[in-house]
Amino acid sequence: MVEIDALDRKILGELQRNADLSLEDLGARVNLSRNACWRRIRQLQEAGVIRKRVALLDGDKLGLGLSVFIQIRTANHAPGWLDKFARATQDLPEVLGAYRMTGDLDYLIRARVADMADYDRLYQALISRVELSDVSASFVMEELKDTTELPL
């Protein structure tokens, strides 16, 4: 864990809400000079606290209106299988996140697709790449909260 102080937390909080802020605007919000903000941001990037800056897109407006969580169970837990599964999830652009889980579920995939037919194409692509024992899906009916902001 990297040690960060209260000013770093303020900077990170502002950047999580809007990474487009100019250094001048950011400095005004956290009461630091432009150069001091730049140095702190650079240090946070070098430490790996800030991994990258991205644009958050609206899936509905881009024709990707269906969010799906895919639950996977497998009988195979060999390292080679896991590598193949990881590559399959990384190669499928509809997959936004893939997680190895504790409990009854082995893996959970978060994906965004256009519709049910598009989900079926994703499902077929996944099972053609890697052997799975059980696959089920839950479709999001309403997004109550969806954020990338970490609690600081």
N, C-alpha and C. Protein backbone atom coordinates (compact mmCIF):
# COMPACT_ATOMS: atom_id res chain seq x y z
N MET A 1 0.84 -1.18 0.00
CA MET A 1 0.00 0.00 0.00
C MET A 1 0.89 1.24 0.00
N VAL A 2 0.52 2.22 -0.78
CA VAL A 2 1.25 3.47 -0.89
C VAL A 2 0.66 4.46 0.11
N GLU A 3 1.56 5.16 0.82
CA GLU A 3 1.08 6.17 1.77
C GLU A 3 0.74 7.44 1.01
N ILE A 4 -0.47 7.93 1.25
CA ILE A 4 -0.88 9.20 0.66
C ILE A 4 -1.43 10.08 1.77
N ASP A 5 -1.23 11.39 1.61
CA ASP A 5 -1.70 12.31 2.64
C ASP A 5 -3.05 12.92 2.24
N ALA A 6 -3.53 13.83 3.06
CA ALA A 6 -4.85 14.42 2.84
C ALA A 6 -4.92 15.19 1.52
N LEU A 7 -3.82 15.87 1.14
CA LEU A 7 -3.83 16.60 -0.14
C LEU A 7 -3.89 15.63 -1.32
N ASP A 8 -3.14 14.52 -1.23
CA ASP A 8 -3.22 13.51 -2.28
C ASP A 8 -4.65 12.98 -2.40
N ARG A 9 -5.29 12.74 -1.28
CA ARG A 9 -6.68 12.26 -1.30
C ARG A 9 -7.61 13.27 -1.96
N LYS A 10 -7.41 14.55 -1.67
CA LYS A 10 -8.23 15.58 -2.31
C LYS A 10 -8.01 15.58 -3.82
N ILE A 11 -6.75 15.51 -4.22
CA ILE A 11 -6.43 15.49 -5.66
C ILE A 11 -7.06 14.27 -6.31
N LEU A 12 -6.90 13.12 -5.70
CA LEU A 12 -7.46 11.88 -6.27
C LEU A 12 -8.98 11.94 -6.34
N GLY A 13 -9.60 12.50 -5.32
CA GLY A 13 -11.05 12.63 -5.32
C GLY A 13 -11.52 13.51 -6.47
N GLU A 14 -10.85 14.63 -6.67
CA GLU A 14 -11.23 15.54 -7.77
C GLU A 14 -10.99 14.87 -9.12
N LEU A 15 -9.87 14.18 -9.27
CA LEU A 15 -9.57 13.52 -10.54
C LEU A 15 -10.54 12.37 -10.83
N GLN A 16 -10.99 11.68 -9.79
CA GLN A 16 -11.97 10.62 -10.00
C GLN A 16 -13.29 11.18 -10.52
N ARG A 17 -13.64 12.36 -10.08
CA ARG A 17 -14.89 12.98 -10.52
C ARG A 17 -14.74 13.61 -11.90
N ASN A 18 -13.53 14.15 -12.20
CA ASN A 18 -13.32 14.80 -13.49
C ASN A 18 -11.82 14.87 -13.78
N ALA A 19 -11.33 13.94 -14.57
CA ALA A 19 -9.91 13.91 -14.91
C ALA A 19 -9.55 14.96 -15.96
N ASP A 20 -10.54 15.67 -16.50
CA ASP A 20 -10.30 16.72 -17.49
C ASP A 20 -9.94 18.07 -16.86
N LEU A 21 -9.98 18.15 -15.54
CA LEU A 21 -9.67 19.42 -14.90
C LEU A 21 -8.27 19.90 -15.30
N SER A 22 -8.14 21.19 -15.58
CA SER A 22 -6.81 21.76 -15.82
C SER A 22 -6.06 21.76 -14.49
N LEU A 23 -4.75 21.85 -14.57
CA LEU A 23 -3.96 21.91 -13.33
C LEU A 23 -4.31 23.16 -12.53
N GLU A 24 -4.65 24.24 -13.21
CA GLU A 24 -5.05 25.47 -12.52
C GLU A 24 -6.35 25.24 -11.74
N ASP A 25 -7.35 24.64 -12.40
CA ASP A 25 -8.63 24.39 -11.74
C ASP A 25 -8.47 23.39 -10.59
N LEU A 26 -7.68 22.36 -10.83
CA LEU A 26 -7.44 21.37 -9.78
C LEU A 26 -6.76 22.02 -8.59
N GLY A 27 -5.75 22.82 -8.86
CA GLY A 27 -5.04 23.52 -7.78
C GLY A 27 -5.96 24.41 -6.97
N ALA A 28 -6.87 25.10 -7.65
CA ALA A 28 -7.82 25.97 -6.95
C ALA A 28 -8.74 25.16 -6.05
N ARG A 29 -9.13 23.99 -6.51
CA ARG A 29 -10.05 23.15 -5.72
C ARG A 29 -9.39 22.54 -4.49
N VAL A 30 -8.07 22.29 -4.57
CA VAL A 30 -7.38 21.63 -3.44
C VAL A 30 -6.41 22.57 -2.73
N ASN A 31 -6.42 23.85 -3.12
CA ASN A 31 -5.56 24.87 -2.50
C ASN A 31 -4.07 24.58 -2.64
N LEU A 32 -3.66 24.26 -3.87
CA LEU A 32 -2.25 24.07 -4.19
C LEU A 32 -1.93 24.80 -5.48
N SER A 33 -0.65 25.06 -5.70
CA SER A 33 -0.25 25.68 -6.97
C SER A 33 -0.33 24.64 -8.09
N ARG A 34 -0.35 25.14 -9.30
CA ARG A 34 -0.37 24.27 -10.49
C ARG A 34 0.80 23.29 -10.46
N ASN A 35 2.01 23.81 -10.18
CA ASN A 35 3.21 22.97 -10.18
C ASN A 35 3.19 21.92 -9.07
N ALA A 36 2.69 22.31 -7.91
CA ALA A 36 2.60 21.35 -6.80
C ALA A 36 1.62 20.23 -7.15
N CYS A 37 0.51 20.59 -7.79
CA CYS A 37 -0.45 19.56 -8.23
C CYS A 37 0.21 18.63 -9.24
N TRP A 38 0.90 19.20 -10.21
CA TRP A 38 1.56 18.40 -11.24
C TRP A 38 2.55 17.42 -10.62
N ARG A 39 3.37 17.89 -9.65
CA ARG A 39 4.36 17.01 -8.99
C ARG A 39 3.66 15.87 -8.24
N ARG A 40 2.61 16.19 -7.53
CA ARG A 40 1.89 15.16 -6.78
C ARG A 40 1.23 14.15 -7.72
N ILE A 41 0.62 14.62 -8.79
CA ILE A 41 0.00 13.70 -9.76
C ILE A 41 1.07 12.79 -10.37
N ARG A 42 2.20 13.36 -10.74
CA ARG A 42 3.29 12.55 -11.32
C ARG A 42 3.76 11.49 -10.31
N GLN A 43 3.90 11.85 -9.05
CA GLN A 43 4.31 10.89 -8.02
C GLN A 43 3.27 9.79 -7.85
N LEU A 44 1.99 10.17 -7.88
CA LEU A 44 0.92 9.17 -7.76
C LEU A 44 0.89 8.24 -8.97
N GLN A 45 1.21 8.76 -10.14
CA GLN A 45 1.29 7.91 -11.34
C GLN A 45 2.48 6.97 -11.24
N GLU A 46 3.64 7.48 -10.84
CA GLU A 46 4.84 6.66 -10.73
C GLU A 46 4.67 5.56 -9.68
N ALA A 47 3.91 5.85 -8.62
CA ALA A 47 3.65 4.86 -7.57
C ALA A 47 2.58 3.85 -7.99
N GLY A 48 1.92 4.09 -9.12
CA GLY A 48 0.89 3.18 -9.58
C GLY A 48 -0.48 3.42 -8.97
N VAL A 49 -0.62 4.48 -8.17
CA VAL A 49 -1.92 4.80 -7.58
C VAL A 49 -2.88 5.24 -8.69
N ILE A 50 -2.39 6.10 -9.58
CA ILE A 50 -3.16 6.47 -10.78
C ILE A 50 -2.65 5.56 -11.89
N ARG A 51 -3.50 4.63 -12.30
CA ARG A 51 -3.10 3.67 -13.33
C ARG A 51 -3.23 4.26 -14.73
N LYS A 52 -4.33 4.95 -14.99
CA LYS A 52 -4.53 5.63 -16.27
C LYS A 52 -5.76 6.52 -16.18
N ARG A 53 -5.92 7.36 -17.17
CA ARG A 53 -7.09 8.24 -17.24
C ARG A 53 -7.88 7.85 -18.48
N VAL A 54 -9.19 7.76 -18.32
CA VAL A 54 -10.04 7.29 -19.42
C VAL A 54 -11.28 8.14 -19.53
N ALA A 55 -11.98 7.99 -20.64
CA ALA A 55 -13.30 8.61 -20.82
C ALA A 55 -14.35 7.55 -20.50
N LEU A 56 -15.36 7.92 -19.74
CA LEU A 56 -16.45 7.01 -19.43
C LEU A 56 -17.57 7.25 -20.43
N LEU A 57 -17.96 6.21 -21.15
CA LEU A 57 -18.94 6.33 -22.22
C LEU A 57 -20.30 5.84 -21.78
N ASP A 58 -21.34 6.32 -22.43
CA ASP A 58 -22.71 5.91 -22.15
C ASP A 58 -23.08 4.76 -23.07
N GLY A 59 -23.14 3.54 -22.52
CA GLY A 59 -23.44 2.35 -23.31
C GLY A 59 -24.78 2.42 -24.00
N ASP A 60 -25.78 2.96 -23.35
CA ASP A 60 -27.11 3.07 -23.96
C ASP A 60 -27.06 3.90 -25.24
N LYS A 61 -26.35 5.01 -25.20
CA LYS A 61 -26.27 5.89 -26.36
C LYS A 61 -25.42 5.30 -27.48
N LEU A 62 -24.63 4.28 -27.15
CA LEU A 62 -23.78 3.63 -28.15
C LEU A 62 -24.35 2.29 -28.62
N GLY A 63 -25.63 2.03 -28.27
CA GLY A 63 -26.27 0.80 -28.71
C GLY A 63 -25.89 -0.43 -27.91
N LEU A 64 -25.37 -0.22 -26.71
CA LEU A 64 -25.00 -1.33 -25.82
C LEU A 64 -25.85 -1.23 -24.56
N GLY A 65 -27.15 -1.45 -24.72
CA GLY A 65 -28.11 -1.19 -23.66
C GLY A 65 -28.33 -2.30 -22.66
N LEU A 66 -27.67 -3.43 -22.82
CA LEU A 66 -27.92 -4.56 -21.91
C LEU A 66 -26.66 -4.90 -21.13
N SER A 67 -26.75 -4.72 -19.81
CA SER A 67 -25.66 -5.12 -18.91
C SER A 67 -25.97 -6.52 -18.40
N VAL A 68 -24.94 -7.35 -18.34
CA VAL A 68 -25.14 -8.74 -17.93
C VAL A 68 -24.01 -9.18 -17.01
N PHE A 69 -24.38 -9.95 -16.01
CA PHE A 69 -23.42 -10.61 -15.13
C PHE A 69 -23.51 -12.10 -15.44
N ILE A 70 -22.40 -12.68 -15.83
CA ILE A 70 -22.35 -14.09 -16.23
C ILE A 70 -21.65 -14.86 -15.12
N GLN A 71 -22.38 -15.84 -14.57
CA GLN A 71 -21.83 -16.66 -13.49
C GLN A 71 -21.32 -17.97 -14.09
N ILE A 72 -20.10 -18.32 -13.73
CA ILE A 72 -19.46 -19.50 -14.32
C ILE A 72 -18.96 -20.43 -13.24
N ARG A 73 -19.25 -21.71 -13.45
CA ARG A 73 -18.67 -22.77 -12.63
C ARG A 73 -17.90 -23.68 -13.58
N THR A 74 -16.78 -24.18 -13.09
CA THR A 74 -15.98 -25.07 -13.92
C THR A 74 -15.47 -26.23 -13.08
N ALA A 75 -15.28 -27.35 -13.74
CA ALA A 75 -14.70 -28.52 -13.08
C ALA A 75 -13.18 -28.52 -13.23
N ASN A 76 -12.68 -27.62 -14.05
CA ASN A 76 -11.25 -27.58 -14.34
C ASN A 76 -10.61 -26.37 -13.65
N HIS A 77 -9.64 -26.63 -12.80
CA HIS A 77 -8.97 -25.55 -12.08
C HIS A 77 -7.46 -25.56 -12.34
N ALA A 78 -7.05 -26.19 -13.43
CA ALA A 78 -5.63 -26.27 -13.77
C ALA A 78 -5.12 -24.92 -14.25
N PRO A 79 -3.86 -24.61 -14.00
CA PRO A 79 -3.30 -23.32 -14.43
C PRO A 79 -3.45 -23.08 -15.94
N GLY A 80 -3.29 -24.11 -16.74
CA GLY A 80 -3.44 -23.96 -18.19
C GLY A 80 -4.85 -23.54 -18.58
N TRP A 81 -5.84 -24.11 -17.90
CA TRP A 81 -7.23 -23.75 -18.16
C TRP A 81 -7.46 -22.28 -17.79
N LEU A 82 -6.94 -21.88 -16.63
CA LEU A 82 -7.12 -20.50 -16.18
C LEU A 82 -6.49 -19.53 -17.16
N ASP A 83 -5.31 -19.84 -17.68
CA ASP A 83 -4.67 -18.98 -18.68
C ASP A 83 -5.55 -18.86 -19.92
N LYS A 84 -6.11 -19.98 -20.36
CA LYS A 84 -6.97 -19.98 -21.54
C LYS A 84 -8.24 -19.15 -21.28
N PHE A 85 -8.82 -19.30 -20.11
CA PHE A 85 -10.02 -18.55 -19.73
C PHE A 85 -9.70 -17.05 -19.66
N ALA A 86 -8.58 -16.71 -19.04
CA ALA A 86 -8.19 -15.30 -18.94
C ALA A 86 -7.99 -14.69 -20.32
N ARG A 87 -7.33 -15.40 -21.21
CA ARG A 87 -7.14 -14.90 -22.58
C ARG A 87 -8.48 -14.73 -23.28
N ALA A 88 -9.38 -15.68 -23.10
CA ALA A 88 -10.70 -15.59 -23.74
C ALA A 88 -11.44 -14.35 -23.27
N THR A 89 -11.43 -14.07 -21.98
CA THR A 89 -12.15 -12.90 -21.47
C THR A 89 -11.46 -11.61 -21.93
N GLN A 90 -10.15 -11.62 -22.01
CA GLN A 90 -9.43 -10.42 -22.46
C GLN A 90 -9.65 -10.15 -23.94
N ASP A 91 -9.85 -11.19 -24.72
CA ASP A 91 -10.02 -11.05 -26.17
C ASP A 91 -11.44 -10.63 -26.57
N LEU A 92 -12.39 -10.74 -25.67
CA LEU A 92 -13.78 -10.41 -25.98
C LEU A 92 -14.08 -8.99 -25.51
N PRO A 93 -14.23 -8.03 -26.42
CA PRO A 93 -14.40 -6.64 -26.01
C PRO A 93 -15.68 -6.37 -25.22
N GLU A 94 -16.68 -7.24 -25.33
CA GLU A 94 -17.92 -7.05 -24.57
C GLU A 94 -17.70 -7.30 -23.07
N VAL A 95 -16.65 -8.04 -22.73
CA VAL A 95 -16.34 -8.35 -21.33
C VAL A 95 -15.64 -7.14 -20.71
N LEU A 96 -16.29 -6.54 -19.72
CA LEU A 96 -15.75 -5.36 -19.04
C LEU A 96 -14.97 -5.73 -17.79
N GLY A 97 -15.28 -6.89 -17.21
CA GLY A 97 -14.58 -7.35 -16.03
C GLY A 97 -14.75 -8.85 -15.89
N ALA A 98 -13.71 -9.51 -15.39
CA ALA A 98 -13.76 -10.95 -15.13
C ALA A 98 -13.06 -11.19 -13.80
N TYR A 99 -13.71 -11.95 -12.93
CA TYR A 99 -13.24 -12.10 -11.56
C TYR A 99 -13.29 -13.56 -11.12
N ARG A 100 -12.22 -14.03 -10.45
CA ARG A 100 -12.25 -15.34 -9.81
C ARG A 100 -12.84 -15.14 -8.43
N MET A 101 -13.81 -15.97 -8.05
CA MET A 101 -14.62 -15.72 -6.86
C MET A 101 -14.41 -16.80 -5.80
N THR A 102 -14.82 -16.47 -4.59
CA THR A 102 -14.91 -17.46 -3.52
C THR A 102 -16.34 -17.99 -3.49
N GLY A 103 -16.57 -19.07 -2.75
CA GLY A 103 -17.93 -19.59 -2.60
C GLY A 103 -18.32 -20.54 -3.71
N ASP A 104 -19.62 -20.65 -3.95
CA ASP A 104 -20.15 -21.59 -4.93
C ASP A 104 -19.81 -21.23 -6.37
N LEU A 105 -19.58 -19.98 -6.61
CA LEU A 105 -19.32 -19.48 -7.95
C LEU A 105 -17.82 -19.47 -8.20
N ASP A 106 -17.36 -19.92 -9.36
CA ASP A 106 -15.93 -19.90 -9.66
C ASP A 106 -15.50 -18.56 -10.27
N TYR A 107 -16.28 -18.08 -11.24
CA TYR A 107 -15.93 -16.85 -11.94
C TYR A 107 -17.18 -16.01 -12.18
N LEU A 108 -16.98 -14.71 -12.20
CA LEU A 108 -18.06 -13.78 -12.51
C LEU A 108 -17.55 -12.84 -13.60
N ILE A 109 -18.35 -12.70 -14.65
CA ILE A 109 -18.02 -11.81 -15.76
C ILE A 109 -19.05 -10.71 -15.81
N ARG A 110 -18.58 -9.49 -15.98
CA ARG A 110 -19.46 -8.33 -16.19
C ARG A 110 -19.28 -7.92 -17.65
N ALA A 111 -20.40 -7.85 -18.38
CA ALA A 111 -20.33 -7.54 -19.80
C ALA A 111 -21.40 -6.54 -20.20
N ARG A 112 -21.21 -5.94 -21.35
CA ARG A 112 -22.18 -4.99 -21.91
C ARG A 112 -22.39 -5.37 -23.37
N VAL A 113 -23.65 -5.60 -23.73
CA VAL A 113 -24.01 -6.02 -25.08
C VAL A 113 -25.21 -5.21 -25.56
N ALA A 114 -25.54 -5.36 -26.85
CA ALA A 114 -26.66 -4.60 -27.42
C ALA A 114 -28.00 -5.15 -26.97
N ASP A 115 -28.16 -6.48 -27.01
CA ASP A 115 -29.46 -7.11 -26.74
C ASP A 115 -29.24 -8.59 -26.48
N MET A 116 -30.34 -9.34 -26.38
CA MET A 116 -30.23 -10.78 -26.08
C MET A 116 -29.50 -11.53 -27.19
N ALA A 117 -29.74 -11.17 -28.43
CA ALA A 117 -29.04 -11.83 -29.54
C ALA A 117 -27.54 -11.58 -29.45
N ASP A 118 -27.18 -10.37 -29.07
CA ASP A 118 -25.77 -10.04 -28.91
C ASP A 118 -25.18 -10.80 -27.73
N TYR A 119 -25.96 -10.95 -26.64
CA TYR A 119 -25.49 -11.77 -25.52
C TYR A 119 -25.26 -13.20 -25.99
N ASP A 120 -26.16 -13.75 -26.78
CA ASP A 120 -26.00 -15.12 -27.26
C ASP A 120 -24.72 -15.26 -28.08
N ARG A 121 -24.40 -14.25 -28.89
CA ARG A 121 -23.14 -14.28 -29.65
C ARG A 121 -21.95 -14.30 -28.70
N LEU A 122 -22.02 -13.49 -27.63
CA LEU A 122 -20.95 -13.48 -26.64
C LEU A 122 -20.83 -14.84 -25.96
N TYR A 123 -21.95 -15.39 -25.55
CA TYR A 123 -21.98 -16.72 -24.92
C TYR A 123 -21.35 -17.77 -25.83
N GLN A 124 -21.77 -17.79 -27.10
CA GLN A 124 -21.22 -18.76 -28.05
C GLN A 124 -19.72 -18.57 -28.25
N ALA A 125 -19.28 -17.32 -28.31
CA ALA A 125 -17.85 -17.05 -28.46
C ALA A 125 -17.06 -17.53 -27.25
N LEU A 126 -17.62 -17.34 -26.07
CA LEU A 126 -16.93 -17.76 -24.84
C LEU A 126 -16.83 -19.27 -24.76
N ILE A 127 -17.94 -19.97 -24.97
CA ILE A 127 -17.89 -21.43 -24.82
C ILE A 127 -17.12 -22.10 -25.96
N SER A 128 -16.93 -21.40 -27.08
CA SER A 128 -16.12 -21.98 -28.14
C SER A 128 -14.63 -21.86 -27.84
N ARG A 129 -14.28 -20.96 -26.92
CA ARG A 129 -12.87 -20.74 -26.59
C ARG A 129 -12.38 -21.53 -25.39
N VAL A 130 -13.30 -21.84 -24.47
CA VAL A 130 -12.88 -22.51 -23.24
C VAL A 130 -14.02 -23.40 -22.72
N GLU A 131 -13.66 -24.56 -22.20
CA GLU A 131 -14.66 -25.51 -21.68
C GLU A 131 -15.16 -25.04 -20.31
N LEU A 132 -16.49 -24.95 -20.19
CA LEU A 132 -17.12 -24.52 -18.95
C LEU A 132 -18.13 -25.56 -18.51
N SER A 133 -18.29 -25.75 -17.18
CA SER A 133 -19.24 -26.72 -16.66
C SER A 133 -20.66 -26.17 -16.58
N ASP A 134 -20.78 -24.92 -16.12
CA ASP A 134 -22.11 -24.34 -15.93
C ASP A 134 -22.01 -22.84 -16.15
N VAL A 135 -22.89 -22.31 -16.97
CA VAL A 135 -22.92 -20.88 -17.26
C VAL A 135 -24.35 -20.40 -17.06
N SER A 136 -24.51 -19.35 -16.28
CA SER A 136 -25.82 -18.72 -16.16
C SER A 136 -25.62 -17.21 -16.20
N ALA A 137 -26.67 -16.50 -16.51
CA ALA A 137 -26.55 -15.05 -16.66
C ALA A 137 -27.69 -14.35 -15.94
N SER A 138 -27.38 -13.17 -15.43
CA SER A 138 -28.38 -12.28 -14.85
C SER A 138 -28.28 -10.96 -15.59
N PHE A 139 -29.44 -10.45 -16.01
CA PHE A 139 -29.47 -9.24 -16.80
C PHE A 139 -29.94 -8.07 -15.94
N VAL A 140 -29.27 -6.95 -16.08
CA VAL A 140 -29.58 -5.77 -15.28
C VAL A 140 -30.86 -5.13 -15.79
N MET A 141 -31.83 -5.00 -14.90
CA MET A 141 -33.09 -4.35 -15.25
C MET A 141 -33.03 -2.85 -14.97
N GLU A 142 -32.30 -2.47 -13.92
CA GLU A 142 -32.17 -1.06 -13.57
C GLU A 142 -30.85 -0.87 -12.86
N GLU A 143 -30.08 0.13 -13.31
CA GLU A 143 -28.82 0.49 -12.66
C GLU A 143 -29.11 1.47 -11.55
N LEU A 144 -28.89 1.07 -10.32
CA LEU A 144 -29.12 1.95 -9.19
C LEU A 144 -27.88 2.77 -8.86
N LYS A 145 -26.71 2.16 -9.08
CA LYS A 145 -25.44 2.86 -8.89
C LYS A 145 -24.39 2.16 -9.73
N ASP A 146 -23.62 2.95 -10.45
CA ASP A 146 -22.53 2.42 -11.24
C ASP A 146 -21.46 3.50 -11.27
N THR A 147 -20.37 3.28 -10.57
CA THR A 147 -19.34 4.29 -10.45
C THR A 147 -17.96 3.65 -10.55
N THR A 148 -16.99 4.44 -10.89
CA THR A 148 -15.61 3.99 -10.86
C THR A 148 -14.85 4.64 -9.68
N GLU A 149 -15.53 5.52 -8.95
CA GLU A 149 -14.89 6.23 -7.84
C GLU A 149 -14.63 5.32 -6.65
N LEU A 150 -13.39 5.28 -6.20
CA LEU A 150 -13.04 4.55 -4.99
C LEU A 150 -13.28 5.43 -3.77
N PRO A 151 -13.70 4.84 -2.66
CA PRO A 151 -13.90 5.66 -1.44
C PRO A 151 -12.54 6.04 -0.85
N LEU A 152 -12.31 7.31 -0.73
CA LEU A 152 -11.02 7.78 -0.21
C LEU A 152 -11.19 8.31 1.20
